[in-house]
Each structure stands twice: as C-alpha cells, then as structure tokens.
Amino acid sequence: LKSYWSDRLIIGFISKQYVCKLLSTEPDGTFLLRFSDSEIG
C-alpha cells in the first residue's frame, strides 16, 4: 500500500464507529479505506 498511502488515498487509522459518523450523511457509493481492527495486517 506504499503508493496509496503516499498519495493520501488511505485514511487507515480510523475507528469503525467514526467511519459511520463520517459517512452517514454522504451519498451512495462514497467510500474510504481503513486498517482492519479485527485482523492483523
């Protein structure tokens, strides 16, 4: 993911709960990338 991170395409360090808050008022198909809480890597 080096190039994606360097292009700031991955928020990564963000909780599932906060993602729901961010996306709750966005239109269909809006997405973001975060690192999994439940799995390593």
Full PDB file with SEQRES, HELIX, SHEET, SSBOND, CRYST1, ORIGX, SCALE, CONECT and MASTER records, all heavy atoms in Angstrom:
SEQRES   1 A   41  LEU LYS SER TYR TRP SER ASP ARG LEU ILE ILE GLY PHE          
SEQRES   2 A   41  ILE SER LYS GLN TYR VAL CYS LYS LEU LEU SER THR GLU          
SEQRES   3 A   41  PRO ASP GLY THR PHE LEU LEU ARG PHE SER ASP SER GLU          
SEQRES   4 A   41  ILE GLY                                                      
HELIX    1 AA1 LYS A    2  SER A    6  1                                   5    
HELIX    2 AA2 LYS A   16  LEU A   23  1                                   8    
CRYST1    1.000    1.000    1.000  90.00  90.00  90.00 P 1           1          
ORIGX1      1.000000  0.000000  0.000000        0.00000                         
ORIGX2      0.000000  1.000000  0.000000        0.00000                         
ORIGX3      0.000000  0.000000  1.000000        0.00000                         
SCALE1      1.000000  0.000000  0.000000        0.00000                         
SCALE2      0.000000  1.000000  0.000000        0.00000                         
SCALE3      0.000000  0.000000  1.000000        0.00000                         
ATOM      1  N   LEU A   1       0.795  -1.229   0.000  1.00  0.00           N  
ATOM      2  CA  LEU A   1       0.000   0.000   0.000  1.00  0.00           C  
ATOM      3  C   LEU A   1       0.830   1.283   0.000  1.00  0.00           C  
ATOM      4  O   LEU A   1       0.281   2.377   0.180  1.00  0.00           O  
ATOM      5  CB  LEU A   1      -0.932   0.026   1.238  1.00  0.00           C  
ATOM      6  CG  LEU A   1      -1.879  -1.169   1.410  1.00  0.00           C  
ATOM      7  CD1 LEU A   1      -2.622  -1.052   2.727  1.00  0.00           C  
ATOM      8  CD2 LEU A   1      -2.848  -1.259   0.243  1.00  0.00           C  
ATOM      9  N   LYS A   2       2.133   1.159  -0.204  1.00  0.00           N  
ATOM     10  CA  LYS A   2       3.016   2.323  -0.086  1.00  0.00           C  
ATOM     11  C   LYS A   2       2.563   3.487  -0.958  1.00  0.00           C  
ATOM     12  O   LYS A   2       2.455   4.626  -0.508  1.00  0.00           O  
ATOM     13  CB  LYS A   2       4.451   1.915  -0.448  1.00  0.00           C  
ATOM     14  CG  LYS A   2       5.430   3.079  -0.437  1.00  0.00           C  
ATOM     15  CD  LYS A   2       6.824   2.622  -0.850  1.00  0.00           C  
ATOM     16  CE  LYS A   2       7.751   3.808  -1.054  1.00  0.00           C  
ATOM     17  NZ  LYS A   2       9.105   3.386  -1.443  1.00  0.00           N  
ATOM     18  N   SER A   3       2.295   3.225  -2.240  1.00  0.00           N  
ATOM     19  CA  SER A   3       1.940   4.316  -3.161  1.00  0.00           C  
ATOM     20  C   SER A   3       0.579   4.916  -2.813  1.00  0.00           C  
ATOM     21  O   SER A   3       0.374   6.128  -2.931  1.00  0.00           O  
ATOM     22  CB  SER A   3       1.961   3.822  -4.610  1.00  0.00           C  
ATOM     23  OG  SER A   3       1.072   2.740  -4.789  1.00  0.00           O  
ATOM     24  N   TYR A   4      -0.353   4.089  -2.351  1.00  0.00           N  
ATOM     25  CA  TYR A   4      -1.681   4.588  -1.977  1.00  0.00           C  
ATOM     26  C   TYR A   4      -1.570   5.488  -0.741  1.00  0.00           C  
ATOM     27  O   TYR A   4      -2.200   6.534  -0.659  1.00  0.00           O  
ATOM     28  CB  TYR A   4      -2.644   3.435  -1.674  1.00  0.00           C  
ATOM     29  CG  TYR A   4      -2.805   2.455  -2.808  1.00  0.00           C  
ATOM     30  CD1 TYR A   4      -2.009   1.311  -2.890  1.00  0.00           C  
ATOM     31  CD2 TYR A   4      -3.761   2.658  -3.804  1.00  0.00           C  
ATOM     32  CE1 TYR A   4      -2.152   0.405  -3.926  1.00  0.00           C  
ATOM     33  CE2 TYR A   4      -3.924   1.753  -4.845  1.00  0.00           C  
ATOM     34  CZ  TYR A   4      -3.106   0.627  -4.901  1.00  0.00           C  
ATOM     35  OH  TYR A   4      -3.260  -0.260  -5.932  1.00  0.00           O  
ATOM     36  N   TRP A   5      -0.778   5.021   0.231  1.00  0.00           N  
ATOM     37  CA  TRP A   5      -0.566   5.817   1.450  1.00  0.00           C  
ATOM     38  C   TRP A   5       0.112   7.139   1.102  1.00  0.00           C  
ATOM     39  O   TRP A   5      -0.297   8.206   1.567  1.00  0.00           O  
ATOM     40  CB  TRP A   5       0.269   5.040   2.467  1.00  0.00           C  
ATOM     41  CG  TRP A   5       0.600   5.879   3.661  1.00  0.00           C  
ATOM     42  CD1 TRP A   5       1.705   6.683   3.831  1.00  0.00           C  
ATOM     43  CD2 TRP A   5      -0.196   6.059   4.841  1.00  0.00           C  
ATOM     44  NE1 TRP A   5       1.644   7.346   5.044  1.00  0.00           N  
ATOM     45  CE2 TRP A   5       0.495   6.982   5.680  1.00  0.00           C  
ATOM     46  CE3 TRP A   5      -1.417   5.534   5.271  1.00  0.00           C  
ATOM     47  CZ2 TRP A   5      -0.015   7.378   6.928  1.00  0.00           C  
ATOM     48  CZ3 TRP A   5      -1.909   5.936   6.509  1.00  0.00           C  
ATOM     49  CH2 TRP A   5      -1.209   6.840   7.320  1.00  0.00           C  
ATOM     50  N   SER A   6       1.149   7.074   0.263  1.00  0.00           N  
ATOM     51  CA  SER A   6       1.910   8.278  -0.089  1.00  0.00           C  
ATOM     52  C   SER A   6       1.061   9.273  -0.870  1.00  0.00           C  
ATOM     53  O   SER A   6       1.314  10.476  -0.832  1.00  0.00           O  
ATOM     54  CB  SER A   6       3.163   7.899  -0.879  1.00  0.00           C  
ATOM     55  OG  SER A   6       4.034   7.110  -0.069  1.00  0.00           O  
ATOM     56  N   ASP A   7       0.049   8.776  -1.567  1.00  0.00           N  
ATOM     57  CA  ASP A   7      -0.886   9.659  -2.289  1.00  0.00           C  
ATOM     58  C   ASP A   7      -2.055  10.098  -1.399  1.00  0.00           C  
ATOM     59  O   ASP A   7      -2.993  10.746  -1.875  1.00  0.00           O  
ATOM     60  CB  ASP A   7      -1.443   8.952  -3.537  1.00  0.00           C  
ATOM     61  CG  ASP A   7      -0.397   8.817  -4.633  1.00  0.00           C  
ATOM     62  OD1 ASP A   7       0.655   9.481  -4.540  1.00  0.00           O  
ATOM     63  OD2 ASP A   7      -0.631   8.033  -5.587  1.00  0.00           O  
ATOM     64  N   ARG A   8      -2.010   9.729  -0.119  1.00  0.00           N  
ATOM     65  CA  ARG A   8      -3.050  10.072   0.863  1.00  0.00           C  
ATOM     66  C   ARG A   8      -4.430   9.568   0.447  1.00  0.00           C  
ATOM     67  O   ARG A   8      -5.455  10.235   0.647  1.00  0.00           O  
ATOM     68  CB  ARG A   8      -3.101  11.585   1.101  1.00  0.00           C  
ATOM     69  CG  ARG A   8      -1.902  12.156   1.863  1.00  0.00           C  
ATOM     70  CD  ARG A   8      -1.871  11.702   3.296  1.00  0.00           C  
ATOM     71  NE  ARG A   8      -0.894  12.420   4.112  1.00  0.00           N  
ATOM     72  CZ  ARG A   8      -0.237  11.870   5.135  1.00  0.00           C  
ATOM     73  NH1 ARG A   8      -0.450  10.596   5.446  1.00  0.00           N  
ATOM     74  NH2 ARG A   8       0.613  12.559   5.843  1.00  0.00           N  
ATOM     75  N   LEU A   9      -4.466   8.357  -0.130  1.00  0.00           N  
ATOM     76  CA  LEU A   9      -5.739   7.753  -0.522  1.00  0.00           C  
ATOM     77  C   LEU A   9      -6.307   6.870   0.592  1.00  0.00           C  
ATOM     78  O   LEU A   9      -7.442   6.417   0.507  1.00  0.00           O  
ATOM     79  CB  LEU A   9      -5.548   6.913  -1.796  1.00  0.00           C  
ATOM     80  CG  LEU A   9      -5.080   7.691  -3.033  1.00  0.00           C  
ATOM     81  CD1 LEU A   9      -4.760   6.730  -4.180  1.00  0.00           C  
ATOM     82  CD2 LEU A   9      -6.137   8.711  -3.458  1.00  0.00           C  
ATOM     83  N   ILE A  10      -5.491   6.609   1.614  1.00  0.00           N  
ATOM     84  CA  ILE A  10      -5.906   5.736   2.720  1.00  0.00           C  
ATOM     85  C   ILE A  10      -5.926   6.547   4.008  1.00  0.00           C  
ATOM     86  O   ILE A  10      -4.897   7.104   4.405  1.00  0.00           O  
ATOM     87  CB  ILE A  10      -4.919   4.558   2.872  1.00  0.00           C  
ATOM     88  CG1 ILE A  10      -4.917   3.695   1.605  1.00  0.00           C  
ATOM     89  CG2 ILE A  10      -5.255   3.723   4.102  1.00  0.00           C  
ATOM     90  CD1 ILE A  10      -3.869   2.590   1.634  1.00  0.00           C  
ATOM     91  N   ILE A  11      -7.088   6.627   4.653  1.00  0.00           N  
ATOM     92  CA  ILE A  11      -7.124   7.242   5.992  1.00  0.00           C  
ATOM     93  C   ILE A  11      -6.470   6.272   6.968  1.00  0.00           C  
ATOM     94  O   ILE A  11      -5.657   6.643   7.790  1.00  0.00           O  
ATOM     95  CB  ILE A  11      -8.565   7.579   6.418  1.00  0.00           C  
ATOM     96  CG1 ILE A  11      -9.120   8.686   5.524  1.00  0.00           C  
ATOM     97  CG2 ILE A  11      -8.605   8.000   7.880  1.00  0.00           C  
ATOM     98  CD1 ILE A  11     -10.550   9.094   5.841  1.00  0.00           C  
ATOM     99  N   GLY A  12      -6.848   5.001   6.866  1.00  0.00           N  
ATOM    100  CA  GLY A  12      -6.156   3.940   7.604  1.00  0.00           C  
ATOM    101  C   GLY A  12      -6.450   3.885   9.080  1.00  0.00           C  
ATOM    102  O   GLY A  12      -7.192   3.011   9.553  1.00  0.00           O  
ATOM    103  N   PHE A  13      -5.888   4.829   9.832  1.00  0.00           N  
ATOM    104  CA  PHE A  13      -6.008   4.810  11.291  1.00  0.00           C  
ATOM    105  C   PHE A  13      -7.269   5.561  11.709  1.00  0.00           C  
ATOM    106  O   PHE A  13      -7.238   6.742  12.046  1.00  0.00           O  
ATOM    107  CB  PHE A  13      -4.768   5.442  11.932  1.00  0.00           C  
ATOM    108  CG  PHE A  13      -3.493   4.704  11.620  1.00  0.00           C  
ATOM    109  CD1 PHE A  13      -2.595   5.213  10.692  1.00  0.00           C  
ATOM    110  CD2 PHE A  13      -3.196   3.494  12.238  1.00  0.00           C  
ATOM    111  CE1 PHE A  13      -1.416   4.541  10.398  1.00  0.00           C  
ATOM    112  CE2 PHE A  13      -2.018   2.809  11.938  1.00  0.00           C  
ATOM    113  CZ  PHE A  13      -1.126   3.329  11.019  1.00  0.00           C  
ATOM    114  N   ILE A  14      -8.379   4.842  11.674  1.00  0.00           N  
ATOM    115  CA  ILE A  14      -9.674   5.443  11.994  1.00  0.00           C  
ATOM    116  C   ILE A  14     -10.599   4.323  12.465  1.00  0.00           C  
ATOM    117  O   ILE A  14     -10.544   3.208  11.952  1.00  0.00           O  
ATOM    118  CB  ILE A  14     -10.252   6.188  10.759  1.00  0.00           C  
ATOM    119  CG1 ILE A  14     -11.553   6.899  11.100  1.00  0.00           C  
ATOM    120  CG2 ILE A  14     -10.442   5.246   9.569  1.00  0.00           C  
ATOM    121  CD1 ILE A  14     -12.047   7.826   9.984  1.00  0.00           C  
ATOM    122  N   SER A  15     -11.434   4.620  13.459  1.00  0.00           N  
ATOM    123  CA  SER A  15     -12.292   3.566  14.019  1.00  0.00           C  
ATOM    124  C   SER A  15     -13.524   3.345  13.160  1.00  0.00           C  
ATOM    125  O   SER A  15     -13.972   4.239  12.424  1.00  0.00           O  
ATOM    126  CB  SER A  15     -12.733   3.949  15.439  1.00  0.00           C  
ATOM    127  OG  SER A  15     -13.625   5.048  15.388  1.00  0.00           O  
ATOM    128  N   LYS A  16     -14.074   2.151  13.292  1.00  0.00           N  
ATOM    129  CA  LYS A  16     -15.292   1.782  12.561  1.00  0.00           C  
ATOM    130  C   LYS A  16     -16.440   2.731  12.926  1.00  0.00           C  
ATOM    131  O   LYS A  16     -17.211   3.163  12.070  1.00  0.00           O  
ATOM    132  CB  LYS A  16     -15.652   0.341  12.935  1.00  0.00           C  
ATOM    133  CG  LYS A  16     -16.524  -0.390  11.948  1.00  0.00           C  
ATOM    134  CD  LYS A  16     -16.619  -1.859  12.354  1.00  0.00           C  
ATOM    135  CE  LYS A  16     -17.360  -2.661  11.315  1.00  0.00           C  
ATOM    136  NZ  LYS A  16     -17.362  -4.103  11.657  1.00  0.00           N  
ATOM    137  N   GLN A  17     -16.506   3.088  14.220  1.00  0.00           N  
ATOM    138  CA  GLN A  17     -17.580   3.959  14.700  1.00  0.00           C  
ATOM    139  C   GLN A  17     -17.467   5.350  14.071  1.00  0.00           C  
ATOM    140  O   GLN A  17     -18.464   5.938  13.649  1.00  0.00           O  
ATOM    141  CB  GLN A  17     -17.531   4.090  16.230  1.00  0.00           C  
ATOM    142  CG  GLN A  17     -17.830   2.823  16.995  1.00  0.00           C  
ATOM    143  CD  GLN A  17     -16.668   1.825  17.009  1.00  0.00           C  
ATOM    144  OE1 GLN A  17     -15.542   2.138  16.592  1.00  0.00           O  
ATOM    145  NE2 GLN A  17     -16.945   0.615  17.468  1.00  0.00           N  
ATOM    146  N   TYR A  18     -16.236   5.868  14.001  1.00  0.00           N  
ATOM    147  CA  TYR A  18     -16.049   7.214  13.454  1.00  0.00           C  
ATOM    148  C   TYR A  18     -16.300   7.224  11.947  1.00  0.00           C  
ATOM    149  O   TYR A  18     -16.801   8.208  11.399  1.00  0.00           O  
ATOM    150  CB  TYR A  18     -14.652   7.743  13.775  1.00  0.00           C  
ATOM    151  CG  TYR A  18     -14.498   9.226  13.502  1.00  0.00           C  
ATOM    152  CD1 TYR A  18     -15.361  10.146  14.107  1.00  0.00           C  
ATOM    153  CD2 TYR A  18     -13.525   9.699  12.635  1.00  0.00           C  
ATOM    154  CE1 TYR A  18     -15.251  11.505  13.850  1.00  0.00           C  
ATOM    155  CE2 TYR A  18     -13.412  11.066  12.368  1.00  0.00           C  
ATOM    156  CZ  TYR A  18     -14.275  11.957  12.990  1.00  0.00           C  
ATOM    157  OH  TYR A  18     -14.174  13.307  12.727  1.00  0.00           O  
ATOM    158  N   VAL A  19     -15.974   6.117  11.285  1.00  0.00           N  
ATOM    159  CA  VAL A  19     -16.261   5.995   9.853  1.00  0.00           C  
ATOM    160  C   VAL A  19     -17.765   6.122   9.618  1.00  0.00           C  
ATOM    161  O   VAL A  19     -18.211   6.827   8.709  1.00  0.00           O  
ATOM    162  CB  VAL A  19     -15.744   4.646   9.287  1.00  0.00           C  
ATOM    163  CG1 VAL A  19     -16.338   4.364   7.921  1.00  0.00           C  
ATOM    164  CG2 VAL A  19     -14.225   4.662   9.195  1.00  0.00           C  
ATOM    165  N   CYS A  20     -18.550   5.441  10.453  1.00  0.00           N  
ATOM    166  CA  CYS A  20     -20.013   5.506  10.320  1.00  0.00           C  
ATOM    167  C   CYS A  20     -20.504   6.940  10.478  1.00  0.00           C  
ATOM    168  O   CYS A  20     -21.385   7.400   9.742  1.00  0.00           O  
ATOM    169  CB  CYS A  20     -20.681   4.618  11.367  1.00  0.00           C  
ATOM    170  SG  CYS A  20     -20.512   2.867  10.990  1.00  0.00           S  
ATOM    171  N   LYS A  21     -19.893   7.659  11.416  1.00  0.00           N  
ATOM    172  CA  LYS A  21     -20.275   9.052  11.651  1.00  0.00           C  
ATOM    173  C   LYS A  21     -19.923   9.908  10.427  1.00  0.00           C  
ATOM    174  O   LYS A  21     -20.715  10.733   9.971  1.00  0.00           O  
ATOM    175  CB  LYS A  21     -19.532   9.570  12.889  1.00  0.00           C  
ATOM    176  CG  LYS A  21     -19.961  10.930  13.368  1.00  0.00           C  
ATOM    177  CD  LYS A  21     -19.206  11.296  14.638  1.00  0.00           C  
ATOM    178  CE  LYS A  21     -19.393  12.773  14.966  1.00  0.00           C  
ATOM    179  NZ  LYS A  21     -18.556  13.174  16.101  1.00  0.00           N  
ATOM    180  N   LEU A  22     -18.733   9.695   9.864  1.00  0.00           N  
ATOM    181  CA  LEU A  22     -18.281  10.471   8.700  1.00  0.00           C  
ATOM    182  C   LEU A  22     -19.157  10.220   7.477  1.00  0.00           C  
ATOM    183  O   LEU A  22     -19.505  11.136   6.742  1.00  0.00           O  
ATOM    184  CB  LEU A  22     -16.831  10.112   8.336  1.00  0.00           C  
ATOM    185  CG  LEU A  22     -15.677  10.757   9.083  1.00  0.00           C  
ATOM    186  CD1 LEU A  22     -14.366  10.341   8.430  1.00  0.00           C  
ATOM    187  CD2 LEU A  22     -15.785  12.272   9.107  1.00  0.00           C  
ATOM    188  N   LEU A  23     -19.470   8.933   7.255  1.00  0.00           N  
ATOM    189  CA  LEU A  23     -20.156   8.558   6.020  1.00  0.00           C  
ATOM    190  C   LEU A  23     -21.671   8.645   6.096  1.00  0.00           C  
ATOM    191  O   LEU A  23     -22.348   8.580   5.070  1.00  0.00           O  
ATOM    192  CB  LEU A  23     -19.754   7.137   5.610  1.00  0.00           C  
ATOM    193  CG  LEU A  23     -18.282   6.908   5.229  1.00  0.00           C  
ATOM    194  CD1 LEU A  23     -18.062   5.460   4.797  1.00  0.00           C  
ATOM    195  CD2 LEU A  23     -17.825   7.858   4.122  1.00  0.00           C  
ATOM    196  N   SER A  24     -22.211   8.786   7.303  1.00  0.00           N  
ATOM    197  CA  SER A  24     -23.672   8.682   7.486  1.00  0.00           C  
ATOM    198  C   SER A  24     -24.466   9.710   6.677  1.00  0.00           C  
ATOM    199  O   SER A  24     -25.615   9.461   6.317  1.00  0.00           O  
ATOM    200  CB  SER A  24     -24.027   8.804   8.970  1.00  0.00           C  
ATOM    201  OG  SER A  24     -23.611  10.071   9.455  1.00  0.00           O  
ATOM    202  N   THR A  25     -23.872  10.860   6.389  1.00  0.00           N  
ATOM    203  CA  THR A  25     -24.614  11.895   5.639  1.00  0.00           C  
ATOM    204  C   THR A  25     -24.138  11.999   4.187  1.00  0.00           C  
ATOM    205  O   THR A  25     -24.537  12.922   3.475  1.00  0.00           O  
ATOM    206  CB  THR A  25     -24.428  13.269   6.323  1.00  0.00           C  
ATOM    207  OG1 THR A  25     -23.015  13.551   6.437  1.00  0.00           O  
ATOM    208  CG2 THR A  25     -25.038  13.270   7.709  1.00  0.00           C  
ATOM    209  N   GLU A  26     -23.296  11.062   3.762  1.00  0.00           N  
ATOM    210  CA  GLU A  26     -22.748  11.114   2.398  1.00  0.00           C  
ATOM    211  C   GLU A  26     -23.639  10.349   1.414  1.00  0.00           C  
ATOM    212  O   GLU A  26     -24.360   9.432   1.803  1.00  0.00           O  
ATOM    213  CB  GLU A  26     -21.333  10.524   2.383  1.00  0.00           C  
ATOM    214  CG  GLU A  26     -20.321  11.299   3.227  1.00  0.00           C  
ATOM    215  CD  GLU A  26     -20.116  12.727   2.752  1.00  0.00           C  
ATOM    216  OE1 GLU A  26     -20.146  12.978   1.530  1.00  0.00           O  
ATOM    217  OE2 GLU A  26     -19.933  13.610   3.619  1.00  0.00           O  
ATOM    218  N   PRO A  27     -23.555  10.681   0.124  1.00  0.00           N  
ATOM    219  CA  PRO A  27     -24.378   9.973  -0.878  1.00  0.00           C  
ATOM    220  C   PRO A  27     -23.909   8.534  -1.104  1.00  0.00           C  
ATOM    221  O   PRO A  27     -22.770   8.180  -0.750  1.00  0.00           O  
ATOM    222  CB  PRO A  27     -24.182  10.817  -2.147  1.00  0.00           C  
ATOM    223  CG  PRO A  27     -22.947  11.609  -1.931  1.00  0.00           C  
ATOM    224  CD  PRO A  27     -22.815  11.814  -0.460  1.00  0.00           C  
ATOM    225  N   ASP A  28     -24.788   7.741  -1.705  1.00  0.00           N  
ATOM    226  CA  ASP A  28     -24.465   6.342  -2.021  1.00  0.00           C  
ATOM    227  C   ASP A  28     -23.151   6.245  -2.796  1.00  0.00           C  
ATOM    228  O   ASP A  28     -22.878   7.063  -3.677  1.00  0.00           O  
ATOM    229  CB  ASP A  28     -25.560   5.740  -2.914  1.00  0.00           C  
ATOM    230  CG  ASP A  28     -26.740   5.290  -2.091  1.00  0.00           C  
ATOM    231  OD1 ASP A  28     -26.742   5.577  -0.893  1.00  0.00           O  
ATOM    232  OD2 ASP A  28     -27.652   4.668  -2.649  1.00  0.00           O  
ATOM    233  N   GLY A  29     -22.380   5.219  -2.472  1.00  0.00           N  
ATOM    234  CA  GLY A  29     -21.152   4.974  -3.220  1.00  0.00           C  
ATOM    235  C   GLY A  29     -19.941   5.705  -2.691  1.00  0.00           C  
ATOM    236  O   GLY A  29     -18.822   5.510  -3.183  1.00  0.00           O  
ATOM    237  N   THR A  30     -20.123   6.571  -1.669  1.00  0.00           N  
ATOM    238  CA  THR A  30     -18.968   7.237  -1.050  1.00  0.00           C  
ATOM    239  C   THR A  30     -18.230   6.202  -0.199  1.00  0.00           C  
ATOM    240  O   THR A  30     -18.862   5.443   0.543  1.00  0.00           O  
ATOM    241  CB  THR A  30     -19.425   8.420  -0.165  1.00  0.00           C  
ATOM    242  OG1 THR A  30     -20.228   9.302  -0.950  1.00  0.00           O  
ATOM    243  CG2 THR A  30     -18.230   9.174   0.391  1.00  0.00           C  
ATOM    244  N   PHE A  31     -16.914   6.171  -0.296  1.00  0.00           N  
ATOM    245  CA  PHE A  31     -16.160   5.141   0.437  1.00  0.00           C  
ATOM    246  C   PHE A  31     -14.842   5.700   0.961  1.00  0.00           C  
ATOM    247  O   PHE A  31     -14.360   6.751   0.525  1.00  0.00           O  
ATOM    248  CB  PHE A  31     -15.893   3.932  -0.467  1.00  0.00           C  
ATOM    249  CG  PHE A  31     -14.924   4.193  -1.601  1.00  0.00           C  
ATOM    250  CD1 PHE A  31     -13.577   3.842  -1.489  1.00  0.00           C  
ATOM    251  CD2 PHE A  31     -15.351   4.779  -2.790  1.00  0.00           C  
ATOM    252  CE1 PHE A  31     -12.690   4.079  -2.532  1.00  0.00           C  
ATOM    253  CE2 PHE A  31     -14.478   5.019  -3.837  1.00  0.00           C  
ATOM    254  CZ  PHE A  31     -13.136   4.664  -3.711  1.00  0.00           C  
ATOM    255  N   LEU A  32     -14.262   4.980   1.914  1.00  0.00           N  
ATOM    256  CA  LEU A  32     -12.917   5.294   2.395  1.00  0.00           C  
ATOM    257  C   LEU A  32     -12.240   4.004   2.825  1.00  0.00           C  
ATOM    258  O   LEU A  32     -12.884   2.956   2.967  1.00  0.00           O  
ATOM    259  CB  LEU A  32     -12.949   6.336   3.514  1.00  0.00           C  
ATOM    260  CG  LEU A  32     -13.764   6.081   4.790  1.00  0.00           C  
ATOM    261  CD1 LEU A  32     -13.062   5.094   5.712  1.00  0.00           C  
ATOM    262  CD2 LEU A  32     -13.963   7.397   5.552  1.00  0.00           C  
ATOM    263  N   LEU A  33     -10.937   4.076   3.020  1.00  0.00           N  
ATOM    264  CA  LEU A  33     -10.153   2.891   3.376  1.00  0.00           C  
ATOM    265  C   LEU A  33      -9.589   3.024   4.777  1.00  0.00           C  
ATOM    266  O   LEU A  33      -9.058   4.086   5.133  1.00  0.00           O  
ATOM    267  CB  LEU A  33      -9.009   2.693   2.369  1.00  0.00           C  
ATOM    268  CG  LEU A  33      -9.475   2.301   0.978  1.00  0.00           C  
ATOM    269  CD1 LEU A  33      -9.511   3.530   0.078  1.00  0.00           C  
ATOM    270  CD2 LEU A  33      -8.555   1.267   0.370  1.00  0.00           C  
ATOM    271  N   ARG A  34      -9.727   1.953   5.553  1.00  0.00           N  
ATOM    272  CA  ARG A  34      -9.185   1.954   6.914  1.00  0.00           C  
ATOM    273  C   ARG A  34      -8.531   0.615   7.205  1.00  0.00           C  
ATOM    274  O   ARG A  34      -8.858  -0.404   6.574  1.00  0.00           O  
ATOM    275  CB  ARG A  34     -10.278   2.256   7.940  1.00  0.00           C  
ATOM    276  CG  ARG A  34     -11.331   1.187   8.051  1.00  0.00           C  
ATOM    277  CD  ARG A  34     -12.372   1.494   9.121  1.00  0.00           C  
ATOM    278  NE  ARG A  34     -13.264   0.359   9.282  1.00  0.00           N  
ATOM    279  CZ  ARG A  34     -12.992  -0.691  10.068  1.00  0.00           C  
ATOM    280  NH1 ARG A  34     -11.895  -0.730  10.792  1.00  0.00           N  
ATOM    281  NH2 ARG A  34     -13.844  -1.700  10.141  1.00  0.00           N  
ATOM    282  N   PHE A  35      -7.613   0.622   8.149  1.00  0.00           N  
ATOM    283  CA  PHE A  35      -6.969  -0.625   8.557  1.00  0.00           C  
ATOM    284  C   PHE A  35      -7.921  -1.402   9.452  1.00  0.00           C  
ATOM    285  O   PHE A  35      -8.588  -0.825  10.315  1.00  0.00           O  
ATOM    286  CB  PHE A  35      -5.650  -0.344   9.290  1.00  0.00           C  
ATOM    287  CG  PHE A  35      -4.622   0.343   8.427  1.00  0.00           C  
ATOM    288  CD1 PHE A  35      -4.071   1.567   8.802  1.00  0.00           C  
ATOM    289  CD2 PHE A  35      -4.234  -0.223   7.219  1.00  0.00           C  
ATOM    290  CE1 PHE A  35      -3.139   2.206   8.003  1.00  0.00           C  
ATOM    291  CE2 PHE A  35      -3.298   0.414   6.405  1.00  0.00           C  
ATOM    292  CZ  PHE A  35      -2.750   1.638   6.793  1.00  0.00           C  
ATOM    293  N   SER A  36      -7.972  -2.710   9.233  1.00  0.00           N  
ATOM    294  CA  SER A  36      -8.894  -3.556   9.988  1.00  0.00           C  
ATOM    295  C   SER A  36      -8.562  -3.556  11.478  1.00  0.00           C  
ATOM    296  O   SER A  36      -7.397  -3.625  11.869  1.00  0.00           O  
ATOM    297  CB  SER A  36      -8.816  -4.994   9.453  1.00  0.00           C  
ATOM    298  OG  SER A  36      -9.547  -5.872  10.288  1.00  0.00           O  
ATOM    299  N   ASP A  37      -9.604  -3.478  12.312  1.00  0.00           N  
ATOM    300  CA  ASP A  37      -9.441  -3.571  13.772  1.00  0.00           C  
ATOM    301  C   ASP A  37      -9.361  -5.019  14.230  1.00  0.00           C  
ATOM    302  O   ASP A  37      -8.693  -5.337  15.198  1.00  0.00           O  
ATOM    303  CB  ASP A  37     -10.660  -2.939  14.466  1.00  0.00           C  
ATOM    304  CG  ASP A  37     -10.386  -1.501  14.870  1.00  0.00           C  
ATOM    305  OD1 ASP A  37      -9.230  -1.165  15.133  1.00  0.00           O  
ATOM    306  OD2 ASP A  37     -11.354  -0.717  14.918  1.00  0.00           O  
ATOM    307  N   SER A  38     -10.048  -5.886  13.512  1.00  0.00           N  
ATOM    308  CA  SER A  38     -10.230  -7.262  13.978  1.00  0.00           C  
ATOM    309  C   SER A  38      -9.149  -8.213  13.471  1.00  0.00           C  
ATOM    310  O   SER A  38      -8.961  -9.291  14.025  1.00  0.00           O  
ATOM    311  CB  SER A  38     -11.601  -7.785  13.565  1.00  0.00           C  
ATOM    312  OG  SER A  38     -11.746  -7.686  12.156  1.00  0.00           O  
ATOM    313  N   GLU A  39      -8.464  -7.831  12.394  1.00  0.00           N  
ATOM    314  CA  GLU A  39      -7.433  -8.694  11.820  1.00  0.00           C  
ATOM    315  C   GLU A  39      -6.092  -7.976  11.776  1.00  0.00           C  
ATOM    316  O   GLU A  39      -6.035  -6.770  11.546  1.00  0.00           O  
ATOM    317  CB  GLU A  39      -7.826  -9.109  10.390  1.00  0.00           C  
ATOM    318  CG  GLU A  39      -9.030 -10.025  10.334  1.00  0.00           C  
ATOM    319  CD  GLU A  39      -9.322 -10.496   8.912  1.00  0.00           C  
ATOM    320  OE1 GLU A  39      -8.413 -10.467   8.068  1.00  0.00           O  
ATOM    321  OE2 GLU A  39     -10.482 -10.877   8.667  1.00  0.00           O  
ATOM    322  N   ILE A  40      -5.021  -8.741  11.975  1.00  0.00           N  
ATOM    323  CA  ILE A  40      -3.682  -8.164  11.852  1.00  0.00           C  
ATOM    324  C   ILE A  40      -3.334  -8.075  10.363  1.00  0.00           C  
ATOM    325  O   ILE A  40      -3.490  -9.046   9.627  1.00  0.00           O  
ATOM    326  CB  ILE A  40      -2.647  -9.037  12.591  1.00  0.00           C  
ATOM    327  CG1 ILE A  40      -2.869  -8.935  14.107  1.00  0.00           C  
ATOM    328  CG2 ILE A  40      -1.225  -8.619  12.242  1.00  0.00           C  
ATOM    329  CD1 ILE A  40      -1.907  -9.784  14.922  1.00  0.00           C  
ATOM    330  N   GLY A  41      -2.901  -6.895   9.936  1.00  0.00           N  
ATOM    331  CA  GLY A  41      -2.455  -6.747   8.547  1.00  0.00           C  
ATOM    332  C   GLY A  41      -3.571  -6.836   7.531  1.00  0.00           C  
ATOM    333  O   GLY A  41      -3.464  -7.548   6.539  1.00  0.00           O  
TER     334      GLY A  41                                                      
MASTER        0    0    0    2    0    0    0    6  333    1    0    4          
END                                                                             
